[in-house]
Amino acid sequence: MNYSLDEFNNPKKKLVYSNSLSVVVVILLYTLTNVAFITVMSPDDINKPGKDFNEVIAASFAKKIGGEKFSRALALFVSLSAFGAASSMTWSGSRVIAAAARNNFVPFYSNNLREWHDRYLTPYNALFVQCLWCIIVFVTIGGAFSSDSFKVLSDFGKYGVWIFFTYFPVLVYCGLNIINQNLNDHLMFGGD
């Protein structure tokens, strides 16, 4: 939602309410889920060795309370959740590219990447660039390793997110402090 604030009528008000509500809902659901796991599953069920050792605890939980059919339904819901997460990342990622292009942060291609489709109201060139980048990553990284490709791709994704959300804010903070210091020095010593 934070990536689409320029598409809202009253973003300050909606951002405060939606972010506050979403954090409370996630904390509540996460806590209730863990309470349910702890209540239903015994330590032996969670740590049992053998053929089901790699099974996710949620699948064992679902089998224990609802049988095989409920376990499969839960797997379907997890798949739908993953699809929703991928869809929201595609939606927000293209808007980040279009916003960067609107501010001329993309050399040579800003004019093309900031274009929006008239009928569908989507940044179609930014979506294309994002799709192209994903194909390059899947082909080069996914096909280059003989181990579990999903693990390799998810690890690379984690590194990208970690770098973006850790180093980028630090660099922005340092840059803003340098600009602020230069501005203060300029004003202090008689600048206009």
Protein backbone atom coordinates (compact mmCIF):
# COMPACT_ATOMS: atom_id res chain seq x y z
CA MET A 1 0.00 0.00 0.00
CA ASN A 2 2.86 2.37 0.72
CA TYR A 3 3.90 2.18 -2.94
CA SER A 4 0.53 3.42 -4.17
CA LEU A 5 0.03 6.51 -2.02
CA ASP A 6 0.02 8.81 -5.03
CA GLU A 7 -3.11 7.01 -6.26
CA PHE A 8 -5.16 7.79 -3.11
CA ASN A 9 -7.30 10.84 -2.41
CA ASN A 10 -6.26 11.36 1.22
CA PRO A 11 -3.02 9.40 1.63
CA LYS A 12 -1.96 10.72 5.06
CA LYS A 13 -5.19 9.67 6.74
CA LYS A 14 -5.51 6.36 4.91
CA LEU A 15 -1.87 5.41 5.50
CA VAL A 16 -2.11 5.91 9.26
CA TYR A 17 -5.29 3.87 9.57
CA SER A 18 -4.38 1.10 7.15
CA ASN A 19 -0.84 0.55 8.46
CA SER A 20 -1.95 0.63 12.09
CA LEU A 21 -4.82 -1.75 11.44
CA SER A 22 -2.71 -4.14 9.34
CA VAL A 23 0.01 -4.37 12.02
CA VAL A 24 -2.59 -5.15 14.70
CA VAL A 25 -4.30 -7.77 12.52
CA VAL A 26 -0.99 -9.48 11.64
CA ILE A 27 0.13 -9.56 15.29
CA LEU A 28 -3.23 -10.99 16.36
CA LEU A 29 -3.29 -13.67 13.63
CA TYR A 30 0.34 -14.65 14.22
CA THR A 31 -0.23 -14.96 17.96
CA LEU A 32 -3.42 -16.99 17.56
CA THR A 33 -1.74 -19.28 15.02
CA ASN A 34 1.14 -20.01 17.38
CA VAL A 35 -1.25 -20.58 20.29
CA ALA A 36 -3.16 -23.07 18.12
CA PHE A 37 0.07 -24.87 17.14
CA ILE A 38 1.25 -25.08 20.75
CA THR A 39 -2.16 -26.25 21.96
CA VAL A 40 -2.67 -29.00 19.39
CA MET A 41 0.87 -30.21 18.65
CA SER A 42 3.03 -31.97 21.20
CA PRO A 43 6.81 -31.48 21.27
CA ASP A 44 7.18 -35.04 19.96
CA ASP A 45 4.96 -34.20 16.96
CA ILE A 46 7.04 -31.14 16.15
CA ASN A 47 10.47 -32.75 16.53
CA LYS A 48 9.78 -36.28 15.30
CA PRO A 49 12.50 -37.72 13.08
CA GLY A 50 11.81 -39.92 10.12
CA LYS A 51 10.07 -39.58 6.79
CA ASP A 52 7.98 -36.56 7.79
CA PHE A 53 10.91 -34.63 9.27
CA ASN A 54 10.88 -32.02 6.47
CA GLU A 55 7.13 -31.57 6.65
CA VAL A 56 5.92 -28.16 7.65
CA ILE A 57 4.42 -27.93 11.12
CA ALA A 58 1.27 -26.35 9.68
CA ALA A 59 0.68 -29.46 7.54
CA SER A 60 1.05 -31.75 10.57
CA PHE A 61 -1.27 -29.44 12.49
CA ALA A 62 -3.89 -29.57 9.73
CA LYS A 63 -3.66 -33.38 9.51
CA LYS A 64 -4.07 -33.70 13.25
CA ILE A 65 -7.18 -31.52 13.54
CA GLY A 66 -8.91 -32.18 10.22
CA GLY A 67 -7.36 -35.10 8.44
CA GLU A 68 -5.83 -35.37 4.99
CA LYS A 69 -8.50 -33.31 3.20
CA PHE A 70 -8.07 -30.36 5.55
CA SER A 71 -4.32 -30.62 5.12
CA ARG A 72 -4.68 -30.39 1.35
CA ALA A 73 -7.09 -27.45 1.69
CA LEU A 74 -4.56 -25.67 3.89
CA ALA A 75 -1.87 -26.31 1.26
CA LEU A 76 -4.19 -24.74 -1.33
CA PHE A 77 -4.66 -21.66 0.88
CA VAL A 78 -0.89 -21.36 1.33
CA SER A 79 -0.47 -21.53 -2.46
CA LEU A 80 -3.12 -18.84 -2.93
CA SER A 81 -1.36 -16.70 -0.34
CA ALA A 82 1.96 -17.08 -2.17
CA PHE A 83 0.25 -16.17 -5.45
CA GLY A 84 -1.27 -13.08 -3.79
CA ALA A 85 2.13 -12.06 -2.43
CA ALA A 86 3.71 -12.44 -5.87
CA SER A 87 0.89 -10.43 -7.44
CA SER A 88 1.20 -7.61 -4.93
CA MET A 89 4.99 -7.48 -5.41
CA THR A 90 4.50 -7.30 -9.18
CA TRP A 91 1.91 -4.55 -8.76
CA SER A 92 4.02 -2.49 -6.36
CA GLY A 93 7.36 -3.16 -8.08
CA SER A 94 6.15 -1.74 -11.38
CA ARG A 95 4.91 1.38 -9.62
CA VAL A 96 8.27 1.86 -7.93
CA ILE A 97 9.98 1.68 -11.34
CA ALA A 98 7.45 4.15 -12.80
CA ALA A 99 7.92 6.54 -9.85
CA ALA A 100 11.70 6.39 -10.23
CA ALA A 101 11.31 7.12 -13.94
CA ARG A 102 8.93 10.00 -13.20
CA ASN A 103 11.71 11.57 -11.09
CA ASN A 104 14.29 10.88 -13.85
CA PHE A 105 16.26 8.35 -11.77
CA VAL A 106 16.52 5.94 -14.71
CA PRO A 107 19.03 7.26 -17.26
CA PHE A 108 17.98 7.29 -20.92
CA TYR A 109 14.71 5.38 -20.34
CA SER A 110 12.77 7.58 -17.90
CA ASN A 111 10.42 8.91 -20.58
CA ASN A 112 9.42 5.39 -21.62
CA LEU A 113 9.17 3.86 -18.16
CA ARG A 114 6.85 6.54 -16.77
CA GLU A 115 4.13 5.87 -19.37
CA TRP A 116 0.80 4.49 -18.14
CA HIS A 117 -1.73 2.53 -20.17
CA ASP A 118 -4.84 4.62 -20.82
CA ARG A 119 -7.37 1.81 -20.45
CA TYR A 120 -5.85 -0.41 -17.74
CA LEU A 121 -4.13 2.39 -15.78
CA THR A 122 -0.92 0.41 -15.35
CA PRO A 123 2.71 1.35 -15.99
CA TYR A 124 3.03 -1.12 -18.85
CA ASN A 125 6.66 -0.41 -19.77
CA ALA A 126 7.71 -0.71 -16.13
CA LEU A 127 5.84 -4.03 -15.95
CA PHE A 128 7.67 -5.21 -19.05
CA VAL A 129 11.07 -4.24 -17.58
CA GLN A 130 10.20 -6.00 -14.34
CA CYS A 131 9.12 -9.12 -16.26
CA LEU A 132 12.32 -9.05 -18.30
CA TRP A 133 14.43 -8.77 -15.15
CA CYS A 134 12.58 -11.71 -13.53
CA ILE A 135 13.15 -13.84 -16.63
CA ILE A 136 16.86 -13.02 -16.59
CA VAL A 137 17.11 -13.91 -12.90
CA PHE A 138 15.17 -17.17 -13.32
CA VAL A 139 17.17 -18.29 -16.33
CA THR A 140 20.62 -17.34 -15.07
CA ILE A 141 20.27 -18.14 -11.38
CA GLY A 142 17.61 -20.85 -11.48
CA GLY A 143 19.31 -22.86 -14.20
CA ALA A 144 22.89 -22.31 -13.07
CA PHE A 145 22.77 -24.37 -9.88
CA SER A 146 22.24 -28.09 -9.60
CA SER A 147 20.92 -27.82 -6.05
CA ASP A 148 17.37 -26.88 -5.14
CA SER A 149 16.56 -23.98 -7.48
CA PHE A 150 13.78 -22.68 -5.25
CA LYS A 151 16.16 -22.38 -2.31
CA VAL A 152 18.73 -20.58 -4.44
CA LEU A 153 16.14 -18.12 -5.83
CA SER A 154 14.63 -17.46 -2.41
CA ASP A 155 18.08 -16.90 -0.91
CA PHE A 156 18.95 -14.40 -3.67
CA GLY A 157 15.62 -12.69 -3.09
CA LYS A 158 16.34 -12.45 0.62
CA TYR A 159 19.72 -10.87 -0.05
CA GLY A 160 18.15 -8.32 -2.38
CA VAL A 161 15.49 -7.39 0.14
CA TRP A 162 18.05 -7.25 2.94
CA ILE A 163 20.34 -4.99 0.95
CA PHE A 164 17.51 -2.74 -0.21
CA PHE A 165 15.85 -2.32 3.18
CA THR A 166 19.10 -2.10 5.17
CA TYR A 167 21.64 -0.21 3.11
CA PHE A 168 19.39 2.04 1.06
CA PRO A 169 17.81 3.80 4.08
CA VAL A 170 21.27 4.19 5.65
CA LEU A 171 22.63 5.76 2.46
CA VAL A 172 19.61 8.07 2.20
CA TYR A 173 19.99 9.06 5.86
CA CYS A 174 23.71 9.82 5.40
CA GLY A 175 23.06 11.74 2.19
CA LEU A 176 20.32 13.84 3.78
CA ASN A 177 22.57 14.60 6.76
CA ILE A 178 25.36 15.74 4.42
CA ILE A 179 22.93 17.96 2.48
CA ASN A 180 21.52 19.34 5.74
CA GLN A 181 25.01 20.07 7.09
CA ASN A 182 26.06 21.79 3.86
CA LEU A 183 22.85 23.84 3.87
CA ASN A 184 23.39 24.85 7.52
CA ASP A 185 27.02 25.78 6.85
CA HIS A 186 25.96 27.80 3.81
CA LEU A 187 23.28 29.68 5.76
CA MET A 188 25.49 30.18 8.84
CA PHE A 189 28.31 31.79 6.88
CA GLY A 190 26.21 34.32 4.99
CA GLY A 191 24.85 32.36 2.08
CA ASP A 192 21.60 33.27 0.37
